[in-house]
Structure formats: structure tokens, C-alpha cells
Amino acid sequence: IGLQAGEASVENDFGLIELGSIAGTVYYDSADNNDFDGLVTDPGLSGQTVTLSGTDLNGNPVLLITMTDENGAYLFTGLYAGNY
């Protein structure tokens, strides 16, 4: 909204969309029980490629790639609601 000196603008509506995140851990399941039992029992795998794909709330395609850290953790931030 552009205003000049002395002008006013009222009754403006602005939407706020909160962004989300998706996080997790890539790990070696040493107990072979399909559960993450902690980094001591199930060590995280560093340097693994993790791909996130889907569509956001506007139907836009999403394709993001990251690598796991030294503990096997990954994080995707700044995500609109959608199907991933």
C-alpha cells in the first residue's frame, strides 16, 4: 500500500501464513525393530541424501534435497502446508 504524506489507509486485511518444517533422523536400525532407540543403540548415518517432494497448498510442486548431519539428522524449513 503506497501512501503519500498525510494520507491514511484503513480496513486493510493481511493474511499470515505460518510456515512449517519436517525433520527426522536417518539411522542404522541395529536392533532390527523398525524403531529409533537412540543414537547410542541406533547410530545416525551422516552424509545421507534426503529428498522431500510433494505439492504445497497452492498446488506448486516441491522438490528439496538436503544431507544428514553428523548425527544423521535432517531438517526442511520454510514449508507451506501441503502434501509431502
PDB file of N, CA and C in Angstrom:
ATOM      1  N   ILE A   1       0.862  -1.161   0.000  1.00  0.00           N
ATOM      2  CA  ILE A   1       0.000   0.000   0.000  1.00  0.00           C
ATOM      3  C   ILE A   1       0.903   1.217   0.000  1.00  0.00           C
ATOM      4  N   GLY A   2       0.812   1.984  -1.020  1.00  0.00           N
ATOM      5  CA  GLY A   2       1.619   3.199  -1.110  1.00  0.00           C
ATOM      6  C   GLY A   2       0.817   4.398  -0.640  1.00  0.00           C
ATOM      7  N   LEU A   3       1.372   5.179   0.254  1.00  0.00           N
ATOM      8  CA  LEU A   3       0.705   6.368   0.772  1.00  0.00           C
ATOM      9  C   LEU A   3       1.611   7.576   0.658  1.00  0.00           C
ATOM     10  N   GLN A   4       1.000   8.677   0.399  1.00  0.00           N
ATOM     11  CA  GLN A   4       1.724   9.950   0.395  1.00  0.00           C
ATOM     12  C   GLN A   4       1.582  10.583   1.778  1.00  0.00           C
ATOM     13  N   ALA A   5       2.395  11.560   2.060  1.00  0.00           N
ATOM     14  CA  ALA A   5       2.324  12.249   3.347  1.00  0.00           C
ATOM     15  C   ALA A   5       0.914  12.766   3.581  1.00  0.00           C
ATOM     16  N   GLY A   6       0.367  12.489   4.765  1.00  0.00           N
ATOM     17  CA  GLY A   6      -0.958  12.962   5.134  1.00  0.00           C
ATOM     18  C   GLY A   6      -2.093  12.032   4.728  1.00  0.00           C
ATOM     19  N   GLU A   7      -1.824  10.994   3.926  1.00  0.00           N
ATOM     20  CA  GLU A   7      -2.858  10.058   3.523  1.00  0.00           C
ATOM     21  C   GLU A   7      -2.983   8.951   4.565  1.00  0.00           C
ATOM     22  N   ALA A   8      -4.162   8.332   4.607  1.00  0.00           N
ATOM     23  CA  ALA A   8      -4.408   7.207   5.518  1.00  0.00           C
ATOM     24  C   ALA A   8      -5.045   6.078   4.725  1.00  0.00           C
ATOM     25  N   SER A   9      -4.828   4.873   5.181  1.00  0.00           N
ATOM     26  CA  SER A   9      -5.434   3.700   4.576  1.00  0.00           C
ATOM     27  C   SER A   9      -5.975   2.842   5.711  1.00  0.00           C
ATOM     28  N   VAL A  10      -7.266   2.556   5.666  1.00  0.00           N
ATOM     29  CA  VAL A  10      -7.898   1.805   6.748  1.00  0.00           C
ATOM     30  C   VAL A  10      -8.584   0.569   6.195  1.00  0.00           C
ATOM     31  N   GLU A  11      -8.968  -0.314   7.093  1.00  0.00           N
ATOM     32  CA  GLU A  11      -9.686  -1.533   6.754  1.00  0.00           C
ATOM     33  C   GLU A  11      -8.928  -2.411   5.753  1.00  0.00           C
ATOM     34  N   ASN A  12      -7.628  -2.502   5.926  1.00  0.00           N
ATOM     35  CA  ASN A  12      -6.807  -3.391   5.118  1.00  0.00           C
ATOM     36  C   ASN A  12      -6.707  -4.741   5.825  1.00  0.00           C
ATOM     37  N   ASP A  13      -6.856  -5.806   5.081  1.00  0.00           N
ATOM     38  CA  ASP A  13      -6.740  -7.150   5.638  1.00  0.00           C
ATOM     39  C   ASP A  13      -5.478  -7.797   5.095  1.00  0.00           C
ATOM     40  N   PHE A  14      -4.672  -8.356   5.992  1.00  0.00           N
ATOM     41  CA  PHE A  14      -3.449  -9.032   5.603  1.00  0.00           C
ATOM     42  C   PHE A  14      -3.466 -10.432   6.199  1.00  0.00           C
ATOM     43  N   GLY A  15      -3.242 -11.426   5.362  1.00  0.00           N
ATOM     44  CA  GLY A  15      -3.196 -12.808   5.838  1.00  0.00           C
ATOM     45  C   GLY A  15      -1.799 -13.189   6.268  1.00  0.00           C
ATOM     46  N   LEU A  16      -1.718 -14.000   7.283  1.00  0.00           N
ATOM     47  CA  LEU A  16      -0.436 -14.513   7.762  1.00  0.00           C
ATOM     48  C   LEU A  16      -0.450 -16.018   7.614  1.00  0.00           C
ATOM     49  N   ILE A  17       0.484 -16.523   6.859  1.00  0.00           N
ATOM     50  CA  ILE A  17       0.602 -17.966   6.679  1.00  0.00           C
ATOM     51  C   ILE A  17       1.821 -18.431   7.456  1.00  0.00           C
ATOM     52  N   GLU A  18       1.575 -19.298   8.434  1.00  0.00           N
ATOM     53  CA  GLU A  18       2.693 -19.839   9.198  1.00  0.00           C
ATOM     54  C   GLU A  18       3.334 -20.965   8.407  1.00  0.00           C
ATOM     55  N   LEU A  19       4.653 -20.947   8.379  1.00  0.00           N
ATOM     56  CA  LEU A  19       5.406 -21.969   7.662  1.00  0.00           C
ATOM     57  C   LEU A  19       5.762 -23.103   8.604  1.00  0.00           C
ATOM     58  N   GLY A  20       5.904 -24.287   8.069  1.00  0.00           N
ATOM     59  CA  GLY A  20       6.217 -25.460   8.867  1.00  0.00           C
ATOM     60  C   GLY A  20       7.571 -26.041   8.532  1.00  0.00           C
ATOM     61  N   SER A  21       7.868 -27.160   9.157  1.00  0.00           N
ATOM     62  CA  SER A  21       9.129 -27.848   8.915  1.00  0.00           C
ATOM     63  C   SER A  21       8.909 -29.354   9.021  1.00  0.00           C
ATOM     64  N   ILE A  22       9.805 -30.086   8.418  1.00  0.00           N
ATOM     65  CA  ILE A  22       9.826 -31.542   8.509  1.00  0.00           C
ATOM     66  C   ILE A  22      11.245 -31.940   8.880  1.00  0.00           C
ATOM     67  N   ALA A  23      11.363 -32.782   9.910  1.00  0.00           N
ATOM     68  CA  ALA A  23      12.684 -33.191  10.392  1.00  0.00           C
ATOM     69  C   ALA A  23      12.666 -34.666  10.754  1.00  0.00           C
ATOM     70  N   GLY A  24      13.839 -35.246  10.827  1.00  0.00           N
ATOM     71  CA  GLY A  24      13.948 -36.632  11.222  1.00  0.00           C
ATOM     72  C   GLY A  24      15.394 -37.059  11.308  1.00  0.00           C
ATOM     73  N   THR A  25      15.587 -38.356  11.442  1.00  0.00           N
ATOM     74  CA  THR A  25      16.921 -38.931  11.551  1.00  0.00           C
ATOM     75  C   THR A  25      17.019 -40.165  10.670  1.00  0.00           C
ATOM     76  N   VAL A  26      18.104 -40.242   9.917  1.00  0.00           N
ATOM     77  CA  VAL A  26      18.420 -41.453   9.165  1.00  0.00           C
ATOM     78  C   VAL A  26      19.413 -42.222  10.032  1.00  0.00           C
ATOM     79  N   TYR A  27      19.088 -43.477  10.330  1.00  0.00           N
ATOM     80  CA  TYR A  27      19.903 -44.228  11.274  1.00  0.00           C
ATOM     81  C   TYR A  27      20.002 -45.701  10.876  1.00  0.00           C
ATOM     82  N   TYR A  28      20.994 -46.353  11.465  1.00  0.00           N
ATOM     83  CA  TYR A  28      21.169 -47.795  11.300  1.00  0.00           C
ATOM     84  C   TYR A  28      20.380 -48.480  12.411  1.00  0.00           C
ATOM     85  N   ASP A  29      19.374 -49.266  12.036  1.00  0.00           N
ATOM     86  CA  ASP A  29      18.495 -49.939  12.998  1.00  0.00           C
ATOM     87  C   ASP A  29      19.169 -51.228  13.474  1.00  0.00           C
ATOM     88  N   SER A  30      20.081 -51.084  14.428  1.00  0.00           N
ATOM     89  CA  SER A  30      20.878 -52.236  14.862  1.00  0.00           C
ATOM     90  C   SER A  30      20.038 -53.319  15.536  1.00  0.00           C
ATOM     91  N   ALA A  31      18.905 -52.950  16.151  1.00  0.00           N
ATOM     92  CA  ALA A  31      18.036 -53.929  16.796  1.00  0.00           C
ATOM     93  C   ALA A  31      17.053 -54.547  15.797  1.00  0.00           C
ATOM     94  N   ASP A  32      17.022 -54.026  14.582  1.00  0.00           N
ATOM     95  CA  ASP A  32      16.131 -54.519  13.530  1.00  0.00           C
ATOM     96  C   ASP A  32      14.676 -54.587  14.013  1.00  0.00           C
ATOM     97  N   ASN A  33      14.251 -53.492  14.714  1.00  0.00           N
ATOM     98  CA  ASN A  33      12.893 -53.454  15.253  1.00  0.00           C
ATOM     99  C   ASN A  33      12.039 -52.327  14.668  1.00  0.00           C
ATOM    100  N   ASN A  34      12.557 -51.653  13.667  1.00  0.00           N
ATOM    101  CA  ASN A  34      11.855 -50.541  12.998  1.00  0.00           C
ATOM    102  C   ASN A  34      11.538 -49.387  13.933  1.00  0.00           C
ATOM    103  N   ASP A  35      12.270 -49.249  15.020  1.00  0.00           N
ATOM    104  CA  ASP A  35      12.134 -48.137  15.950  1.00  0.00           C
ATOM    105  C   ASP A  35      13.494 -47.502  16.169  1.00  0.00           C
ATOM    106  N   PHE A  36      13.482 -46.160  16.308  1.00  0.00           N
ATOM    107  CA  PHE A  36      14.708 -45.451  16.635  1.00  0.00           C
ATOM    108  C   PHE A  36      14.898 -45.521  18.148  1.00  0.00           C
ATOM    109  N   ASP A  37      15.913 -46.241  18.585  1.00  0.00           N
ATOM    110  CA  ASP A  37      16.153 -46.474  20.010  1.00  0.00           C
ATOM    111  C   ASP A  37      17.186 -45.523  20.598  1.00  0.00           C
ATOM    112  N   GLY A  38      17.551 -44.495  19.881  1.00  0.00           N
ATOM    113  CA  GLY A  38      18.544 -43.540  20.355  1.00  0.00           C
ATOM    114  C   GLY A  38      19.853 -43.718  19.613  1.00  0.00           C
ATOM    115  N   LEU A  39      20.654 -42.647  19.602  1.00  0.00           N
ATOM    116  CA  LEU A  39      21.890 -42.645  18.814  1.00  0.00           C
ATOM    117  C   LEU A  39      22.920 -43.640  19.314  1.00  0.00           C
ATOM    118  N   VAL A  40      22.869 -44.025  20.596  1.00  0.00           N
ATOM    119  CA  VAL A  40      23.850 -44.992  21.097  1.00  0.00           C
ATOM    120  C   VAL A  40      23.548 -46.372  20.536  1.00  0.00           C
ATOM    121  N   THR A  41      22.275 -46.771  20.586  1.00  0.00           N
ATOM    122  CA  THR A  41      21.863 -48.089  20.093  1.00  0.00           C
ATOM    123  C   THR A  41      21.730 -48.106  18.578  1.00  0.00           C
ATOM    124  N   ASP A  42      21.107 -47.043  18.023  1.00  0.00           N
ATOM    125  CA  ASP A  42      20.883 -46.927  16.574  1.00  0.00           C
ATOM    126  C   ASP A  42      21.629 -45.699  16.067  1.00  0.00           C
ATOM    127  N   PRO A  43      22.886 -45.866  15.684  1.00  0.00           N
ATOM    128  CA  PRO A  43      23.687 -44.703  15.283  1.00  0.00           C
ATOM    129  C   PRO A  43      23.149 -44.019  14.032  1.00  0.00           C
ATOM    130  N   GLY A  44      23.174 -42.675  14.071  1.00  0.00           N
ATOM    131  CA  GLY A  44      22.768 -41.892  12.915  1.00  0.00           C
ATOM    132  C   GLY A  44      23.764 -42.027  11.785  1.00  0.00           C
ATOM    133  N   LEU A  45      23.255 -41.920  10.573  1.00  0.00           N
ATOM    134  CA  LEU A  45      24.103 -42.032   9.379  1.00  0.00           C
ATOM    135  C   LEU A  45      24.330 -40.650   8.786  1.00  0.00           C
ATOM    136  N   SER A  46      25.555 -40.183   8.852  1.00  0.00           N
ATOM    137  CA  SER A  46      25.879 -38.856   8.326  1.00  0.00           C
ATOM    138  C   SER A  46      26.076 -38.888   6.817  1.00  0.00           C
ATOM    139  N   GLY A  47      25.889 -37.735   6.196  1.00  0.00           N
ATOM    140  CA  GLY A  47      26.149 -37.596   4.773  1.00  0.00           C
ATOM    141  C   GLY A  47      25.161 -38.296   3.863  1.00  0.00           C
ATOM    142  N   GLN A  48      23.980 -38.628   4.369  1.00  0.00           N
ATOM    143  CA  GLN A  48      22.964 -39.293   3.554  1.00  0.00           C
ATOM    144  C   GLN A  48      22.085 -38.251   2.860  1.00  0.00           C
ATOM    145  N   THR A  49      21.738 -38.487   1.619  1.00  0.00           N
ATOM    146  CA  THR A  49      20.863 -37.588   0.877  1.00  0.00           C
ATOM    147  C   THR A  49      19.413 -37.884   1.234  1.00  0.00           C
ATOM    148  N   VAL A  50      18.670 -36.824   1.579  1.00  0.00           N
ATOM    149  CA  VAL A  50      17.246 -36.941   1.891  1.00  0.00           C
ATOM    150  C   VAL A  50      16.497 -36.018   0.933  1.00  0.00           C
ATOM    151  N   THR A  51      15.491 -36.560   0.251  1.00  0.00           N
ATOM    152  CA  THR A  51      14.711 -35.799  -0.721  1.00  0.00           C
ATOM    153  C   THR A  51      13.288 -35.639  -0.225  1.00  0.00           C
ATOM    154  N   LEU A  52      12.781 -34.420  -0.279  1.00  0.00           N
ATOM    155  CA  LEU A  52      11.396 -34.116   0.077  1.00  0.00           C
ATOM    156  C   LEU A  52      10.681 -33.684  -1.195  1.00  0.00           C
ATOM    157  N   SER A  53       9.584 -34.360  -1.516  1.00  0.00           N
ATOM    158  CA  SER A  53       8.823 -33.987  -2.702  1.00  0.00           C
ATOM    159  C   SER A  53       7.343 -33.971  -2.377  1.00  0.00           C
ATOM    160  N   GLY A  54       6.583 -33.242  -3.158  1.00  0.00           N
ATOM    161  CA  GLY A  54       5.145 -33.151  -2.975  1.00  0.00           C
ATOM    162  C   GLY A  54       4.618 -31.882  -3.612  1.00  0.00           C
ATOM    163  N   THR A  55       3.478 -31.400  -3.091  1.00  0.00           N
ATOM    164  CA  THR A  55       2.883 -30.155  -3.573  1.00  0.00           C
ATOM    165  C   THR A  55       2.476 -29.309  -2.375  1.00  0.00           C
ATOM    166  N   ASP A  56       2.633 -27.981  -2.511  1.00  0.00           N
ATOM    167  CA  ASP A  56       2.221 -27.090  -1.432  1.00  0.00           C
ATOM    168  C   ASP A  56       0.730 -26.780  -1.554  1.00  0.00           C
ATOM    169  N   LEU A  57       0.218 -25.956  -0.651  1.00  0.00           N
ATOM    170  CA  LEU A  57      -1.215 -25.670  -0.602  1.00  0.00           C
ATOM    171  C   LEU A  57      -1.740 -24.993  -1.861  1.00  0.00           C
ATOM    172  N   ASN A  58      -0.862 -24.400  -2.653  1.00  0.00           N
ATOM    173  CA  ASN A  58      -1.263 -23.760  -3.900  1.00  0.00           C
ATOM    174  C   ASN A  58      -1.120 -24.691  -5.095  1.00  0.00           C
ATOM    175  N   GLY A  59      -0.758 -25.947  -4.843  1.00  0.00           N
ATOM    176  CA  GLY A  59      -0.577 -26.904  -5.923  1.00  0.00           C
ATOM    177  C   GLY A  59       0.768 -26.825  -6.605  1.00  0.00           C
ATOM    178  N   ASN A  60       1.680 -26.026  -6.051  1.00  0.00           N
ATOM    179  CA  ASN A  60       3.015 -25.903  -6.625  1.00  0.00           C
ATOM    180  C   ASN A  60       3.853 -27.127  -6.269  1.00  0.00           C
ATOM    181  N   PRO A  61       4.589 -27.661  -7.231  1.00  0.00           N
ATOM    182  CA  PRO A  61       5.453 -28.802  -6.917  1.00  0.00           C
ATOM    183  C   PRO A  61       6.597 -28.383  -5.996  1.00  0.00           C
ATOM    184  N   VAL A  62       6.949 -29.269  -5.094  1.00  0.00           N
ATOM    185  CA  VAL A  62       8.053 -29.033  -4.162  1.00  0.00           C
ATOM    186  C   VAL A  62       9.045 -30.169  -4.322  1.00  0.00           C
ATOM    187  N   LEU A  63      10.301 -29.818  -4.497  1.00  0.00           N
ATOM    188  CA  LEU A  63      11.375 -30.804  -4.562  1.00  0.00           C
ATOM    189  C   LEU A  63      12.588 -30.200  -3.862  1.00  0.00           C
ATOM    190  N   LEU A  64      12.891 -30.686  -2.671  1.00  0.00           N
ATOM    191  CA  LEU A  64      14.005 -30.184  -1.875  1.00  0.00           C
ATOM    192  C   LEU A  64      14.921 -31.341  -1.516  1.00  0.00           C
ATOM    193  N   ILE A  65      16.215 -31.050  -1.475  1.00  0.00           N
ATOM    194  CA  ILE A  65      17.213 -32.071  -1.162  1.00  0.00           C
ATOM    195  C   ILE A  65      18.150 -31.513  -0.096  1.00  0.00           C
ATOM    196  N   THR A  66      18.469 -32.340   0.885  1.00  0.00           N
ATOM    197  CA  THR A  66      19.436 -31.961   1.909  1.00  0.00           C
ATOM    198  C   THR A  66      20.269 -33.184   2.272  1.00  0.00           C
ATOM    199  N   MET A  67      21.262 -32.963   3.092  1.00  0.00           N
ATOM    200  CA  MET A  67      22.125 -34.045   3.571  1.00  0.00           C
ATOM    201  C   MET A  67      21.984 -34.146   5.091  1.00  0.00           C
ATOM    202  N   THR A  68      22.138 -35.362   5.612  1.00  0.00           N
ATOM    203  CA  THR A  68      22.101 -35.536   7.058  1.00  0.00           C
ATOM    204  C   THR A  68      23.384 -34.998   7.686  1.00  0.00           C
ATOM    205  N   ASP A  69      23.250 -34.542   8.936  1.00  0.00           N
ATOM    206  CA  ASP A  69      24.418 -34.041   9.654  1.00  0.00           C
ATOM    207  C   ASP A  69      25.192 -35.195  10.287  1.00  0.00           C
ATOM    208  N   GLU A  70      26.118 -34.880  11.164  1.00  0.00           N
ATOM    209  CA  GLU A  70      26.984 -35.904  11.752  1.00  0.00           C
ATOM    210  C   GLU A  70      26.222 -36.906  12.622  1.00  0.00           C
ATOM    211  N   ASN A  71      24.993 -36.549  13.043  1.00  0.00           N
ATOM    212  CA  ASN A  71      24.169 -37.460  13.845  1.00  0.00           C
ATOM    213  C   ASN A  71      23.058 -38.115  13.032  1.00  0.00           C
ATOM    214  N   GLY A  72      23.056 -37.887  11.721  1.00  0.00           N
ATOM    215  CA  GLY A  72      22.023 -38.457  10.874  1.00  0.00           C
ATOM    216  C   GLY A  72      20.761 -37.620  10.796  1.00  0.00           C
ATOM    217  N   ALA A  73      20.757 -36.445  11.420  1.00  0.00           N
ATOM    218  CA  ALA A  73      19.573 -35.591  11.447  1.00  0.00           C
ATOM    219  C   ALA A  73      19.444 -34.784  10.156  1.00  0.00           C
ATOM    220  N   TYR A  74      18.203 -34.536   9.765  1.00  0.00           N
ATOM    221  CA  TYR A  74      17.913 -33.659   8.627  1.00  0.00           C
ATOM    222  C   TYR A  74      16.760 -32.737   8.984  1.00  0.00           C
ATOM    223  N   LEU A  75      16.652 -31.603   8.259  1.00  0.00           N
ATOM    224  CA  LEU A  75      15.621 -30.621   8.540  1.00  0.00           C
ATOM    225  C   LEU A  75      15.288 -29.855   7.270  1.00  0.00           C
ATOM    226  N   PHE A  76      14.004 -29.780   6.966  1.00  0.00           N
ATOM    227  CA  PHE A  76      13.487 -28.938   5.894  1.00  0.00           C
ATOM    228  C   PHE A  76      12.632 -27.861   6.558  1.00  0.00           C
ATOM    229  N   THR A  77      12.928 -26.579   6.292  1.00  0.00           N
ATOM    230  CA  THR A  77      12.189 -25.481   6.920  1.00  0.00           C
ATOM    231  C   THR A  77      11.528 -24.617   5.855  1.00  0.00           C
ATOM    232  N   GLY A  78      10.694 -23.691   6.316  1.00  0.00           N
ATOM    233  CA  GLY A  78      10.046 -22.744   5.418  1.00  0.00           C
ATOM    234  C   GLY A  78       9.010 -23.376   4.505  1.00  0.00           C
ATOM    235  N   LEU A  79       8.318 -24.401   4.997  1.00  0.00           N
ATOM    236  CA  LEU A  79       7.382 -25.148   4.171  1.00  0.00           C
ATOM    237  C   LEU A  79       5.945 -24.649   4.341  1.00  0.00           C
ATOM    238  N   TYR A  80       5.290 -24.408   3.210  1.00  0.00           N
ATOM    239  CA  TYR A  80       3.853 -24.139   3.257  1.00  0.00           C
ATOM    240  C   TYR A  80       3.131 -25.446   3.524  1.00  0.00           C
ATOM    241  N   ALA A  81       1.927 -25.368   4.047  1.00  0.00           N
ATOM    242  CA  ALA A  81       1.112 -26.566   4.201  1.00  0.00           C
ATOM    243  C   ALA A  81       0.967 -27.234   2.842  1.00  0.00           C
ATOM    244  N   GLY A  82       0.843 -28.533   2.835  1.00  0.00           N
ATOM    245  CA  GLY A  82       0.718 -29.247   1.568  1.00  0.00           C
ATOM    246  C   GLY A  82       0.785 -30.741   1.791  1.00  0.00           C
ATOM    247  N   ASN A  83       1.001 -31.446   0.720  1.00  0.00           N
ATOM    248  CA  ASN A  83       1.152 -32.902   0.748  1.00  0.00           C
ATOM    249  C   ASN A  83       2.572 -33.243   0.357  1.00  0.00           C
ATOM    250  N   TYR A  84       3.328 -33.772   1.308  1.00  0.00           N
ATOM    251  CA  TYR A  84       4.726 -34.086   1.080  1.00  0.00           C
ATOM    252  C   TYR A  84       4.980 -35.566   1.285  1.00  0.00           C
TER     253      TYR A  84
END
